[in-house]
Every structure is written in C-alpha cells, then in structure tokens.
Protein backbone atom coordinates (compact mmCIF):
# COMPACT_ATOMS: atom_id res chain seq x y z
CA MET A 1 -149.27 40.62 286.84
CA SER A 2 -149.71 42.42 290.16
CA ARG A 3 -147.87 41.43 293.35
CA MET A 4 -151.17 40.58 295.05
CA GLN A 5 -152.12 38.24 292.13
CA VAL A 6 -148.75 36.49 292.48
CA ILE A 7 -149.32 36.00 296.19
CA SER A 8 -152.86 34.69 295.56
CA ASP A 9 -151.59 32.13 293.03
CA MET A 10 -148.96 30.92 295.56
CA LEU A 11 -151.59 29.94 298.17
CA PRO A 12 -151.76 26.20 298.79
CA THR A 13 -154.72 24.37 297.20
CA TRP A 14 -155.87 23.06 300.60
CA ALA A 15 -156.12 26.62 301.88
CA SER A 16 -158.34 27.70 299.01
CA GLN A 17 -160.53 24.62 299.32
CA ALA A 18 -160.91 25.13 303.06
CA GLY A 19 -162.05 28.69 302.56
CA TRP A 20 -159.01 30.14 304.35
CA GLY A 21 -157.65 31.83 301.28
CA PRO A 22 -158.95 35.36 302.01
CA LEU A 23 -157.72 35.20 305.64
CA LEU A 24 -154.21 34.03 304.72
CA LEU A 25 -154.06 36.55 301.93
CA ALA A 26 -154.93 39.33 304.37
CA CYS A 27 -152.23 38.21 306.85
CA ILE A 28 -149.56 37.99 304.17
CA THR A 29 -150.60 41.35 302.76
CA THR A 30 -150.36 42.94 306.21
CA GLY A 31 -146.91 41.44 306.70
CA VAL A 32 -145.73 42.74 303.38
CA VAL A 33 -147.02 46.22 304.17
CA PHE A 34 -145.42 46.31 307.64
CA GLY A 35 -142.15 44.95 306.25
CA ALA A 36 -142.05 47.62 303.61
CA LEU A 37 -142.91 50.28 306.17
CA ARG A 38 -140.17 49.02 308.52
CA ARG A 39 -137.61 49.16 305.70
CA VAL A 40 -138.60 52.73 304.91
CA LEU A 41 -138.32 53.80 308.58
CA LEU A 42 -134.96 52.09 309.01
CA ALA A 43 -133.67 53.68 305.85
CA ARG A 44 -134.75 57.10 307.05
CA ARG A 45 -133.30 56.51 310.53
CA GLY A 46 -130.04 55.31 309.02
CA ALA A 47 -129.88 58.35 306.81
CA ALA A 48 -130.45 60.62 309.84
CA VAL A 49 -127.78 58.87 311.91
CA GLY A 50 -125.42 59.01 308.96
CA LEU A 51 -125.99 62.73 308.64
CA GLN A 52 -125.30 63.21 312.40
CA VAL A 53 -122.08 61.19 312.22
CA GLN A 54 -121.03 63.06 309.11
CA ALA A 55 -121.75 66.38 310.84
CA ARG A 56 -119.71 65.38 313.88
CA ALA A 57 -116.87 64.20 311.67
CA THR A 58 -116.99 67.45 309.73
CA ARG A 59 -116.78 69.49 312.95
CA SER A 60 -113.92 67.34 314.28
CA GLN A 61 -112.02 67.53 311.01
CA ALA A 62 -112.51 71.28 310.99
CA ALA A 63 -110.85 71.30 314.42
CA GLY A 64 -108.00 69.18 313.08
CA GLN A 65 -108.85 66.04 315.10
CA PRO A 66 -110.40 62.68 314.23
CA ALA A 67 -113.98 62.47 315.50
CA GLY A 68 -114.29 61.32 319.13
CA THR A 69 -110.72 60.08 319.48
CA ARG A 70 -108.71 63.04 320.79
CA ASP A 71 -108.61 64.92 324.09
CA VAL A 72 -109.32 68.57 323.36
CA LEU A 73 -106.70 69.98 325.75
CA THR A 74 -103.66 67.72 325.24
CA GLY A 75 -104.31 66.25 321.80
CA LEU A 76 -103.76 62.75 323.18
CA VAL A 77 -106.19 59.94 322.43
CA THR A 78 -109.14 59.39 324.74
CA ARG A 79 -109.63 56.46 327.08
CA HIS A 80 -112.00 54.76 324.61
CA GLU A 81 -109.48 54.90 321.77
CA PHE A 82 -106.70 53.70 324.08
CA GLU A 83 -108.77 50.69 325.14
CA SER A 84 -109.43 49.86 321.48
CA THR A 85 -105.68 49.80 320.87
CA LEU A 86 -105.18 47.71 323.99
CA GLU A 87 -107.78 45.17 322.86
CA GLU A 88 -106.18 44.88 319.43
CA SER A 89 -102.70 44.49 320.95
CA ALA A 90 -103.96 41.80 323.34
CA TRP A 91 -105.44 39.93 320.35
CA GLN A 92 -102.01 40.03 318.71
CA VAL A 93 -100.50 38.53 321.86
CA ASP A 94 -103.09 35.73 321.95
CA HIS A 95 -103.25 34.83 318.26
CA LYS A 96 -100.02 36.01 316.66
CA GLY A 97 -97.51 35.28 319.41
CA GLY A 98 -96.83 38.95 320.09
CA ALA A 99 -94.76 40.24 322.99
CA PRO A 100 -96.46 40.74 326.40
CA LEU A 101 -97.98 44.14 327.18
CA ALA A 102 -97.54 46.58 330.03
CA VAL A 103 -99.97 49.39 330.85
CA LEU A 104 -98.75 52.31 332.98
CA TYR A 105 -101.30 54.49 334.75
CA VAL A 106 -99.77 57.89 335.56
CA GLY A 107 -101.25 60.31 338.10
CA LEU A 108 -99.93 63.83 338.74
CA ASP A 109 -99.83 64.06 342.56
CA ASP A 110 -99.81 67.82 343.07
CA LEU A 111 -101.95 69.16 340.25
CA ARG A 112 -105.02 69.88 342.38
CA SER A 113 -103.06 72.08 344.77
CA ILE A 114 -101.55 73.91 341.80
CA ASN A 115 -105.05 74.46 340.38
CA ASP A 116 -106.16 75.83 343.74
CA GLY A 117 -103.11 78.03 344.24
CA PHE A 118 -102.31 79.24 340.73
CA GLY A 119 -105.53 78.74 338.81
CA LEU A 120 -106.85 76.27 336.26
CA GLN A 121 -105.05 77.98 333.38
CA VAL A 122 -101.67 77.15 334.93
CA GLY A 123 -102.82 73.61 335.69
CA ASP A 124 -103.89 73.14 332.08
CA ALA A 125 -100.52 74.38 330.86
CA LEU A 126 -98.81 71.76 333.03
CA LEU A 127 -101.08 69.03 331.67
CA VAL A 128 -100.13 69.96 328.10
CA GLN A 129 -96.41 69.90 328.95
CA ALA A 130 -96.76 66.56 330.75
CA ALA A 131 -98.56 65.11 327.71
CA ARG A 132 -95.72 66.19 325.44
CA ARG A 133 -93.09 64.60 327.67
CA LEU A 134 -94.99 61.31 327.83
CA SER A 135 -95.50 61.31 324.07
CA LYS A 136 -91.80 61.87 323.56
CA LEU A 137 -90.99 58.90 325.80
CA LEU A 138 -92.96 56.59 323.51
CA GLY A 139 -91.93 58.30 320.31
CA ALA A 140 -95.58 59.11 319.74
CA GLU A 141 -94.87 61.89 317.25
CA GLY A 142 -95.14 59.30 314.45
CA PRO A 143 -98.39 57.59 313.33
CA ALA A 144 -97.41 54.22 314.84
CA GLY A 145 -97.37 55.51 318.40
CA THR A 146 -100.30 57.91 318.41
CA THR A 147 -102.69 55.57 320.23
CA HIS A 148 -100.20 54.34 322.85
CA VAL A 149 -100.43 57.29 325.24
CA ALA A 150 -103.77 58.71 326.39
CA ARG A 151 -105.33 61.14 328.80
CA VAL A 152 -107.74 58.99 330.82
CA GLY A 153 -108.75 61.39 333.60
CA GLY A 154 -108.42 64.93 334.90
CA GLU A 155 -104.76 64.60 335.90
CA GLU A 156 -104.19 61.01 334.79
CA PHE A 157 -102.56 59.44 331.75
CA ALA A 158 -102.08 55.89 330.43
CA LEU A 159 -99.20 54.40 328.44
CA LEU A 160 -99.11 51.11 326.52
CA VAL A 161 -95.69 49.48 326.30
CA SER A 162 -94.72 46.32 324.41
CA GLY A 163 -92.71 44.13 326.77
CA ASP A 164 -92.78 42.22 330.03
CA GLU A 165 -92.92 43.46 333.63
CA ALA A 166 -89.26 44.46 333.61
CA ALA A 167 -89.84 46.65 330.56
CA GLY A 168 -92.81 48.22 332.27
CA ILE A 169 -90.84 48.94 335.44
CA GLY A 170 -88.09 50.53 333.37
CA MET A 171 -90.62 52.74 331.62
CA GLY A 172 -92.19 53.64 334.99
CA ALA A 173 -88.81 54.90 336.23
CA ARG A 174 -88.36 56.91 333.04
CA VAL A 175 -91.82 58.45 333.43
CA CYS A 176 -91.04 59.53 337.00
CA SER A 177 -87.74 61.03 335.86
CA ALA A 178 -89.24 62.82 332.86
CA LEU A 179 -92.03 64.44 334.88
CA ALA A 180 -89.81 65.31 337.85
CA ARG A 181 -88.08 68.06 335.88
CA PRO A 182 -89.63 71.45 336.74
CA PHE A 183 -92.36 72.71 334.45
CA GLU A 184 -92.59 76.28 333.22
CA ALA A 185 -95.81 78.22 333.77
CA GLU A 186 -96.30 81.99 333.71
CA GLY A 187 -92.56 82.52 333.84
CA GLN A 188 -91.89 80.48 336.97
CA PRO A 189 -90.76 76.88 337.52
CA LEU A 190 -93.26 74.50 339.12
CA ALA A 191 -92.37 71.01 340.33
CA LEU A 192 -94.65 67.96 340.30
CA THR A 193 -94.36 64.44 341.62
CA VAL A 194 -96.12 61.49 340.00
CA SER A 195 -97.54 58.14 341.04
CA VAL A 196 -97.29 55.35 338.46
CA GLY A 197 -99.11 52.00 338.54
CA LEU A 198 -98.17 49.07 336.31
CA ALA A 199 -100.23 46.08 335.13
CA CYS A 200 -99.12 43.45 332.58
CA TYR A 201 -100.90 41.26 330.04
CA PRO A 202 -101.47 38.37 330.27
CA ALA A 203 -99.87 38.08 333.73
CA HIS A 204 -102.43 40.27 335.53
CA GLY A 205 -105.67 39.07 333.95
CA ALA A 206 -107.92 39.89 331.02
CA TRP A 207 -107.05 42.84 328.84
CA SER A 208 -110.27 44.60 329.92
CA ARG A 209 -109.02 44.64 333.54
CA LEU A 210 -105.54 45.89 332.70
CA LEU A 211 -106.32 49.61 332.94
CA PRO A 212 -108.31 49.30 336.21
CA HIS A 213 -105.53 47.18 337.72
CA ALA A 214 -102.87 49.71 336.73
CA ALA A 215 -105.07 52.46 338.23
CA ALA A 216 -105.31 50.48 341.48
CA ALA A 217 -101.51 50.22 341.61
CA MET A 218 -101.23 53.98 340.99
CA ARG A 219 -103.59 54.74 343.87
CA HIS A 220 -101.59 52.38 346.08
CA VAL A 221 -98.48 54.47 345.38
CA ARG A 222 -100.38 57.70 346.01
CA GLN A 223 -101.72 56.46 349.35
CA ALA A 224 -98.16 55.68 350.41
CA GLY A 225 -97.11 59.28 349.75
CA GLY A 226 -96.78 59.32 345.96
CA ASN A 227 -93.67 60.02 343.91
CA GLY A 228 -92.94 56.46 342.79
CA HIS A 229 -94.18 53.43 340.88
CA ALA A 230 -95.57 50.00 341.79
CA VAL A 231 -96.65 46.77 340.08
CA TYR A 232 -100.24 45.61 340.52
CA ALA A 233 -100.99 42.94 343.12
CA PRO A 234 -104.42 41.39 343.83
CA ALA A 235 -104.41 42.82 347.35
CA MET A 236 -104.54 46.31 345.84
CA ALA A 237 -108.01 45.65 344.46
CA VAL A 238 -109.11 44.60 347.95
CA ASP A 239 -107.56 47.80 349.30
CA LEU A 240 -109.67 49.80 346.86
CA ARG A 241 -112.84 48.22 348.20
CA GLU A 242 -111.70 48.94 351.74
CA GLN A 243 -110.95 52.53 350.79
CA ALA A 244 -114.42 52.90 349.26
CA LEU A 245 -116.07 51.51 352.40
CA LEU A 246 -113.90 53.69 354.63
CA LEU A 247 -114.77 56.76 352.58
CA GLN A 248 -118.50 56.12 353.01
CA ASP A 249 -118.03 55.96 356.79
CA LEU A 250 -115.76 59.01 356.80
CA ARG A 251 -118.44 61.13 355.13
CA GLN A 252 -120.70 60.56 358.15
CA ALA A 253 -118.09 60.51 360.94
CA VAL A 254 -118.62 64.15 361.98
CA GLU A 255 -122.41 63.80 362.20
CA ARG A 256 -122.09 60.57 364.16
CA GLY A 257 -119.69 62.13 366.68
CA GLU A 258 -116.89 59.63 365.97
CA PHE A 259 -114.01 62.13 366.06
CA LYS A 260 -112.19 63.13 369.21
CA LEU A 261 -109.17 65.23 370.14
CA LEU A 262 -106.21 64.04 372.17
CA TYR A 263 -103.74 66.52 373.62
CA GLN A 264 -99.95 66.24 373.74
CA PRO A 265 -98.16 68.74 375.99
CA LYS A 266 -95.36 71.03 374.84
CA VAL A 267 -92.63 71.96 377.32
CA ASP A 268 -90.34 74.93 377.61
CA ALA A 269 -86.83 73.76 376.69
CA ALA A 270 -85.12 75.77 379.43
CA SER A 271 -87.40 75.00 382.39
CA LEU A 272 -89.02 71.77 381.10
CA GLN A 273 -92.36 73.14 382.28
CA ILE A 274 -95.54 72.49 380.29
CA THR A 275 -96.61 75.61 378.43
CA ALA A 276 -99.06 74.43 375.75
CA ALA A 277 -100.62 71.38 374.10
CA GLU A 278 -101.22 70.24 370.55
CA ALA A 279 -104.70 68.94 369.67
CA LEU A 280 -104.37 65.70 367.70
CA LEU A 281 -107.34 64.41 365.72
CA ARG A 282 -108.39 60.77 366.16
CA TRP A 283 -111.20 58.80 364.49
CA ASP A 284 -112.83 56.27 366.78
CA HIS A 285 -114.65 54.05 364.27
CA PRO A 286 -117.49 52.01 365.85
CA VAL A 287 -116.30 48.80 364.13
CA ARG A 288 -112.67 49.34 363.13
CA GLY A 289 -111.62 51.06 366.35
CA ILE A 290 -109.05 53.86 366.18
CA VAL A 291 -108.26 54.65 362.53
CA PRO A 292 -104.76 56.22 362.22
CA PRO A 293 -104.64 59.81 360.90
CA ALA A 294 -102.17 58.65 358.23
CA VAL A 295 -105.02 56.56 356.80
CA PHE A 296 -108.03 58.88 356.94
CA ILE A 297 -106.46 62.35 356.56
CA PRO A 298 -105.17 61.73 352.97
CA LEU A 299 -108.55 60.17 352.15
CA ALA A 300 -110.36 63.25 353.46
CA GLU A 301 -108.05 65.59 351.55
CA ARG A 302 -108.52 63.73 348.25
CA HIS A 303 -112.30 63.78 348.52
CA GLY A 304 -112.85 67.31 349.81
CA LEU A 305 -113.83 66.39 353.37
CA MET A 306 -111.23 68.46 355.22
CA GLY A 307 -113.58 71.46 355.35
CA PRO A 308 -116.19 70.00 357.74
CA ILE A 309 -113.58 67.98 359.65
CA GLY A 310 -111.33 71.00 360.14
CA GLU A 311 -114.29 73.10 361.23
CA TRP A 312 -115.17 70.48 363.86
CA VAL A 313 -111.58 70.57 365.17
CA VAL A 314 -111.72 74.36 365.57
CA VAL A 315 -115.04 74.24 367.42
CA GLU A 316 -113.98 71.40 369.70
CA ALA A 317 -110.56 72.92 370.54
CA CYS A 318 -112.18 76.26 371.45
CA ARG A 319 -114.82 74.50 373.53
CA GLN A 320 -112.13 72.57 375.40
CA ALA A 321 -110.08 75.69 376.00
CA ALA A 322 -113.17 77.28 377.55
CA VAL A 323 -113.71 74.22 379.79
CA TRP A 324 -110.10 74.36 380.98
CA ARG A 325 -110.41 78.11 381.59
CA GLU A 326 -113.40 77.53 383.85
CA SER A 327 -111.34 75.02 385.85
CA GLY A 328 -108.50 77.53 386.19
CA LEU A 329 -106.15 76.26 383.44
CA ARG A 330 -105.28 78.83 380.76
CA MET A 331 -103.15 77.01 378.22
CA ARG A 332 -102.45 77.63 374.55
CA ILE A 333 -103.81 74.95 372.19
CA ALA A 334 -102.26 74.21 368.79
CA ILE A 335 -104.49 72.96 365.96
CA ASN A 336 -103.43 71.71 362.53
CA ILE A 337 -104.77 73.73 359.60
CA SER A 338 -105.14 72.11 356.18
CA GLY A 339 -104.45 73.85 352.89
CA HIS A 340 -108.15 73.64 352.08
CA GLN A 341 -109.03 75.61 355.22
CA LEU A 342 -106.31 78.20 354.69
CA ARG A 343 -107.49 78.91 351.15
CA HIS A 344 -111.12 79.39 352.24
CA ASP A 345 -112.13 83.05 352.24
CA ARG A 346 -114.15 82.76 355.46
CA PHE A 347 -111.65 80.68 357.45
CA VAL A 348 -110.15 83.46 359.60
CA ALA A 349 -113.59 84.96 360.24
CA GLN A 350 -114.83 81.54 361.41
CA LEU A 351 -111.85 81.25 363.77
CA GLU A 352 -112.59 84.68 365.22
CA GLN A 353 -116.26 83.80 365.66
CA GLN A 354 -115.42 80.62 367.61
CA THR A 355 -112.91 82.32 369.92
CA ARG A 356 -115.39 85.12 370.66
CA GLN A 357 -118.21 82.65 371.24
CA HIS A 358 -116.14 80.65 373.75
CA GLY A 359 -114.43 83.66 375.33
CA ILE A 360 -110.93 82.58 374.24
CA PRO A 361 -108.23 85.16 373.46
CA PRO A 362 -106.97 84.54 369.88
CA ALA A 363 -103.38 84.41 371.18
CA ARG A 364 -104.31 81.22 373.03
CA LEU A 365 -104.77 79.42 369.71
CA THR A 366 -101.81 78.30 367.58
CA CYS A 367 -102.49 77.51 363.93
CA GLU A 368 -99.98 74.93 362.69
CA ILE A 369 -99.66 75.04 358.90
CA THR A 370 -97.41 72.59 357.06
CA GLU A 371 -94.36 73.91 355.28
CA SER A 372 -95.57 72.66 351.87
CA VAL A 373 -98.79 74.69 352.20
CA ALA A 374 -97.03 77.74 353.65
CA MET A 375 -94.53 77.81 350.78
CA GLU A 376 -97.27 78.13 348.17
CA ASP A 377 -96.22 81.68 347.42
CA THR A 378 -99.62 82.89 346.33
CA ALA A 379 -101.47 86.08 347.19
CA GLN A 380 -104.19 83.99 348.84
CA THR A 381 -101.69 82.29 351.19
CA ARG A 382 -100.02 85.56 352.16
CA ILE A 383 -103.36 87.24 352.82
CA ALA A 384 -104.47 84.33 355.02
CA PHE A 385 -101.29 84.53 357.10
CA GLN A 386 -101.63 88.28 357.50
CA ARG A 387 -105.27 87.98 358.58
CA LEU A 388 -104.38 85.34 361.15
CA ARG A 389 -101.63 87.46 362.67
CA ARG A 390 -103.68 90.68 362.61
CA ALA A 391 -106.47 88.86 364.41
CA GLY A 392 -103.98 87.87 367.12
CA PHE A 393 -103.61 84.15 366.39
CA HIS A 394 -100.26 82.43 366.91
CA VAL A 395 -99.03 81.01 363.57
CA SER A 396 -96.56 78.10 363.33
CA ILE A 397 -95.01 76.47 360.24
CA ASP A 398 -95.16 72.71 360.83
CA ASP A 399 -92.92 69.90 359.48
CA PHE A 400 -90.23 72.45 358.72
CA GLY A 401 -87.23 71.09 356.83
CA THR A 402 -89.12 68.44 354.85
CA GLY A 403 -90.14 70.65 351.93
CA HIS A 404 -88.44 73.19 349.69
CA SER A 405 -88.51 76.42 351.65
CA SER A 406 -87.63 79.73 350.12
CA LEU A 407 -86.12 82.24 352.53
CA ALA A 408 -87.69 85.03 350.49
CA VAL A 409 -91.15 83.51 350.97
CA LEU A 410 -90.49 82.68 354.61
CA ARG A 411 -89.45 86.25 355.33
CA ARG A 412 -92.71 87.59 353.91
CA LEU A 413 -94.90 85.25 355.99
CA PRO A 414 -95.94 86.71 359.36
CA ALA A 415 -95.39 83.45 361.27
CA ALA A 416 -94.34 83.29 364.91
CA GLU A 417 -92.52 79.94 365.03
CA LEU A 418 -91.02 77.04 363.09
CA LYS A 419 -91.60 73.44 364.08
CA VAL A 420 -88.72 71.04 363.31
CA ASP A 421 -89.97 67.80 361.80
CA ARG A 422 -89.60 64.64 363.90
CA SER A 423 -87.60 62.89 361.16
CA PHE A 424 -84.60 65.09 362.01
CA VAL A 425 -85.06 64.81 365.77
CA VAL A 426 -85.05 60.99 365.64
CA ASP A 427 -81.60 60.99 363.99
CA LEU A 428 -80.00 63.66 366.15
CA GLU A 429 -77.85 61.26 368.17
CA ALA A 430 -76.40 59.34 365.23
CA SER A 431 -76.54 61.69 362.24
CA GLU A 432 -74.29 64.69 361.76
CA SER A 433 -76.43 65.84 358.83
CA ALA A 434 -79.57 65.82 361.02
CA ARG A 435 -77.81 67.99 363.61
CA SER A 436 -76.63 70.34 360.85
CA ILE A 437 -80.16 70.72 359.51
CA VAL A 438 -81.58 71.51 362.97
CA GLU A 439 -78.80 74.05 363.57
CA ALA A 440 -79.57 75.64 360.18
CA VAL A 441 -83.26 75.88 361.07
CA LEU A 442 -82.36 77.54 364.38
CA SER A 443 -80.08 79.98 362.59
CA VAL A 444 -82.81 80.96 360.13
CA ALA A 445 -85.33 81.32 362.95
CA ARG A 446 -83.05 83.61 364.97
CA THR A 447 -82.45 85.76 361.90
CA LEU A 448 -86.19 86.14 361.33
CA GLY A 449 -87.08 86.48 365.01
CA LEU A 450 -89.04 83.18 365.17
CA ARG A 451 -89.36 80.64 367.96
CA VAL A 452 -88.44 76.99 367.29
CA VAL A 453 -90.35 73.92 368.48
CA ALA A 454 -88.90 70.40 368.09
CA GLU A 455 -91.37 67.50 367.91
CA GLY A 456 -90.77 63.78 368.31
CA VAL A 457 -88.40 64.01 371.31
CA GLU A 458 -88.16 60.49 372.73
CA THR A 459 -84.81 60.27 374.54
CA GLU A 460 -82.98 62.35 377.10
CA ALA A 461 -79.99 62.58 374.72
CA GLN A 462 -82.19 64.17 372.05
CA ARG A 463 -83.57 66.57 374.65
CA ASP A 464 -80.09 67.59 375.80
CA ILE A 465 -78.87 68.21 372.24
CA LEU A 466 -81.90 70.37 371.43
CA VAL A 467 -81.54 72.34 374.67
CA ARG A 468 -77.86 73.03 373.93
CA MET A 469 -78.76 74.13 370.39
CA GLY A 470 -81.22 76.66 371.77
CA CYS A 471 -84.68 75.26 370.91
CA ASP A 472 -87.52 77.12 372.60
CA GLU A 473 -90.04 74.30 373.08
CA LEU A 474 -89.98 70.49 372.96
CA GLN A 475 -92.69 67.92 372.36
CA GLY A 476 -92.62 64.13 372.37
CA TYR A 477 -93.08 60.81 374.16
CA LEU A 478 -90.21 61.63 376.53
CA PHE A 479 -92.53 64.08 378.29
CA ALA A 480 -96.02 62.73 377.55
CA ARG A 481 -98.03 60.74 375.07
CA PRO A 482 -101.24 62.19 373.62
CA MET A 483 -104.00 61.99 376.22
CA SER A 484 -107.62 62.90 376.74
CA ALA A 485 -108.63 66.38 377.86
CA VAL A 486 -109.78 64.91 381.20
CA ALA A 487 -106.42 63.19 381.77
CA LEU A 488 -104.53 66.40 381.03
CA ALA A 489 -106.76 68.36 383.41
CA LEU A 490 -106.16 65.80 386.18
CA TRP A 491 -102.42 66.05 385.60
CA ALA A 492 -102.59 69.84 385.82
CA ASP A 493 -104.55 69.48 389.06
CA GLY A 494 -101.87 67.21 390.48
CA SER A 495 -104.18 64.17 390.50
CA GLY A 496 -102.76 62.40 387.45
CA PRO A 497 -99.43 60.67 386.70
CA GLY A 498 -96.89 63.18 385.42
CA GLY A 499 -94.97 62.34 382.26
CA SER A 500 -95.09 59.14 380.25
CA SER A 501 -94.08 55.68 381.37
CA GLY A 502 -90.38 55.81 382.05
CA GLY A 503 -90.18 59.35 380.66
CA ALA A 504 -89.06 62.65 382.06
CA ALA A 505 -91.23 64.30 384.72
CA ALA A 506 -92.73 67.63 383.77
CA GLU A 507 -94.77 70.22 385.63
CA PHE A 508 -97.19 72.84 384.40
CA ARG A 509 -95.89 76.40 384.29
CA PRO A 510 -97.42 78.22 387.30
CA SER A 511 -98.46 81.18 385.18
CA LEU A 512 -100.96 78.95 383.37
CA PHE A 513 -103.09 79.05 386.52
CA ASP A 514 -102.93 82.83 386.92
CA PRO A 515 -105.84 85.01 385.77
CA THR A 516 -105.02 86.42 382.36
CA LYS A 517 -106.44 89.09 380.12
CA PRO A 518 -107.08 88.70 376.40
CA ALA A 519 -103.93 89.36 374.39
CA PRO A 520 -103.89 92.67 372.46
CA MET A 521 -104.63 92.49 368.74
CA LEU A 522 -101.45 92.49 366.66
CA PRO A 523 -101.08 95.16 363.97
C-alpha cells in the first residue's frame, strides 16, 4: 500500500463526507514533501559543517594543537578555552563545595616600547618566555594545568588559581617576582615590569564577570604607574567608565582648543637670575576644569594620542617664543618630548620647520627627553639625538636618576644637560642618600661636560645645598609657580609680582633683552 493511500485512509469520516478530503489530503501531502525536503537540506548542511570542522581539526592536529584552543605564538590556551575552564570550576564551587577561585589578569607594562625600540620579533620572544614562566608557576606542564593559564590579549595573560583572596595575592606577588627577572633577547638582557589584577569567585560577582573585573584591577595598577598587583574593587569599574569618557574627550581636545601651556622659570644657580622657562602642558576641560597631566598624559600615551598633542606643544611654544621676541624678550623655552615623538622619522624636520616659520633660533628651544626614553639604546634613539644636536637644538635628559642609566649609553648621546628629578631634591635636607645621588649626578655631568638642572626646589635650604654642590640651574616653587605667558611677560617687563608667594625674589637676566643673532649650527 502506498504512503498516499495510507494517508487517505486516515482522514476522518466527517472530512470525507463534507467534501474536504481532497483539500486536507493536499495540505498533508505538501507538509510531508516540505518536511522531507527540510530533512534532506539539514542533512546536507550538517555534512558540510562536519566536513569543515573536520578539516579545521585536521589542520590544527597537523600543527600539533587542538582546534581553536591554543594561541599560535605562546602555545597557551585562548581566552575562550580559559573561560570554559573558569565556568566549569565555578560550577564545582557552587554544586560540589569546591574551594573559592582567584583569577589573575597579568599585563606586561613595557612591551609596547620594546616592540617600538627593538622590533616585534624581540617582543614576541619576550612573550614566549613570559608564557613559560607563568606556566611553570602553575605547574602547567602536566595535563591538569593546561587550561589554567592563557594568553588573553596582545601583552596580557590570565591565571586561574584555586583558593581565596589571600592565595590570589600570594600568587600575584610570585607573578611579579617571576617576570621581574631580566629576559634574554638577541643576546642582551631586557627588563619588564608587570601589572596584576585579582578578582575572586564568588566574592566579586558572577563567574562571567571575573575576568573583566580582574582586568579592571590590572588597569588600575597600570594607571598608578604599574609594577604591582591589586584586588578588584567596585570603584575600579566606575573608573573604567570615567577613563572611557575622558578618552573620548581627549581625542577632540586639540581640535577644540582645550590645551594651554604654562611657563615655569629656570634660574641660574650662581646669580639667581631667570634664564629660561619650561613649557608645561595643561588640559582645561570645559566641564571637569583643569585635568592633571598625571591623569591625561598616560592615557594619551596608551592610546597613541601623543603625536598630535606633542605637535601642538611644539607649534604653540614656537609661536609664544616669537611673541616674546617681538616684545623684546629672548628666552629659551624647554618642551617635553615623548618617546613616540622621538621615534618618529619626521620629528626633527618638523621642529626645524616650526623654528624657521616663527623665526626662532634652534638653540632657543630645549628638548627635554626622559631618562627612560633616552636610555633605549637603539639606533633610532641615537640618530634622533644626533639630528637634534646637529640642527642646533638644546637637548636635556629629564628625570635623571629615576631610571637605570648606562654610562656607556649616556656617553654616546649628544645631550647638553641632565635634569635631576624632584624626588631627590625634596629629600636633600633630611636624606644623606639623596645628597649622595645628586653629587654622583654632578660628578658624571662634569666628566661628560654636561650642565645640571635641579627641579622641584621649594626651600631656601634646598637651594643653598644645590648651589654649594655646583648645580648650574634651579627650578621650583621657591622662585615661581607655573604661570601664563602673559603673566611671565608682565614680570619680565617689571609690571608683575616677582617670585612666588613667600618665595625668593628673582630677576630676569639682562642679556635676555639684548638683540641676539641665531645660534650657529652645531656640527
């Protein structure tokens, strides 16, 4: 008996008597046909998907890795696989009475600068070594631990630890210690610092939020300077939102004209006469008011915004120098140069263009470059320094004493001065070690024929110590706070209040008002 005959016999008697039999039979037949067709299509689609999965698995197995679970560079599991392990572990906590969990989010603080300075190949080598050290910490060489450490971002890793907050903090300290040891790349040691964030389950919320919360804690550490670990707190998530909003505003701050420069005078240590000024960047936010540089500069550096901001500083400083020149004041201006600017091929050419456009001798511009950037002993850094000096710019190494200077590198850099960091100046009166460090800096400078500037001078006792030691220039609240270009011009004209409130009086060096010729180009 055919299938259609069976269906016809199953029709209710009332349907046949009412004359609806043919219509119902047609509907049922259509349904049967479409159902069969759907099953055929699904079977074919399933077969195709199965073939694709099998092909991917075959390729992955040929590469020696399970399909879709391993990071190609480090061999660690991916974020997706890590989250699967985390979900399973959280289920064990909830239903089997397992121990609490701690997730550590590890970020390598300095990897981007190493990529810029030494190349991506060196950076990749460091990532592989870091992955091995983290795996060793968790004993991940065996099958049981293979999903408990993952690479979850470009320079970021995650670890899953069984235990409470104390266990997580202990592991965080061990991670910092393990990654603090110098790495080896292309035959030379390279040091990294790390920021580690910690979030615990169930104390810090649902398992699905554990990794984002640990990441928020890591970024909190990084914003505070890095090289440490912190436990997640709800306020950190709020901070992330604030950072995101601030970043959106920062991207438009140059176009909206929200930046301005303040100027803090530098004085000659022997005569206490004003000889120069440092241009200090400030962000005058229309709603938030003045945003401290310590807040927005790291944000700009992390998100690649220092290029346009630094270019604006150069243009504005040169424009202001030209305005002062027209009023009869010829004073050197110091500007801070970021590592991003220094590594840009066109940076020195852009500086030269701005000084020519505004009629400013290059020697009237001091480029302050932090010690950490200057000590990146790369060909690119050395070439940038040489170009700056050949073009006639005055080059200063800023924050000296806070990093890890190499005398061999320092000797090869054509700098003109060292700037002692304020952290040593503040402790001069009470700390013998601070005085010893400043004396050592002065000794190195004399040997290399460099001038020394001390910043952060706030008391007369600090001034007297630095003068006795032989510093060349001083800068700080004792002489003047940062002020507008108009205020500084009024002071130079004798119309403004000299010095800061309660500070030491200072006068402008008379030669600043004498007609000057452009400085000769240095060889």
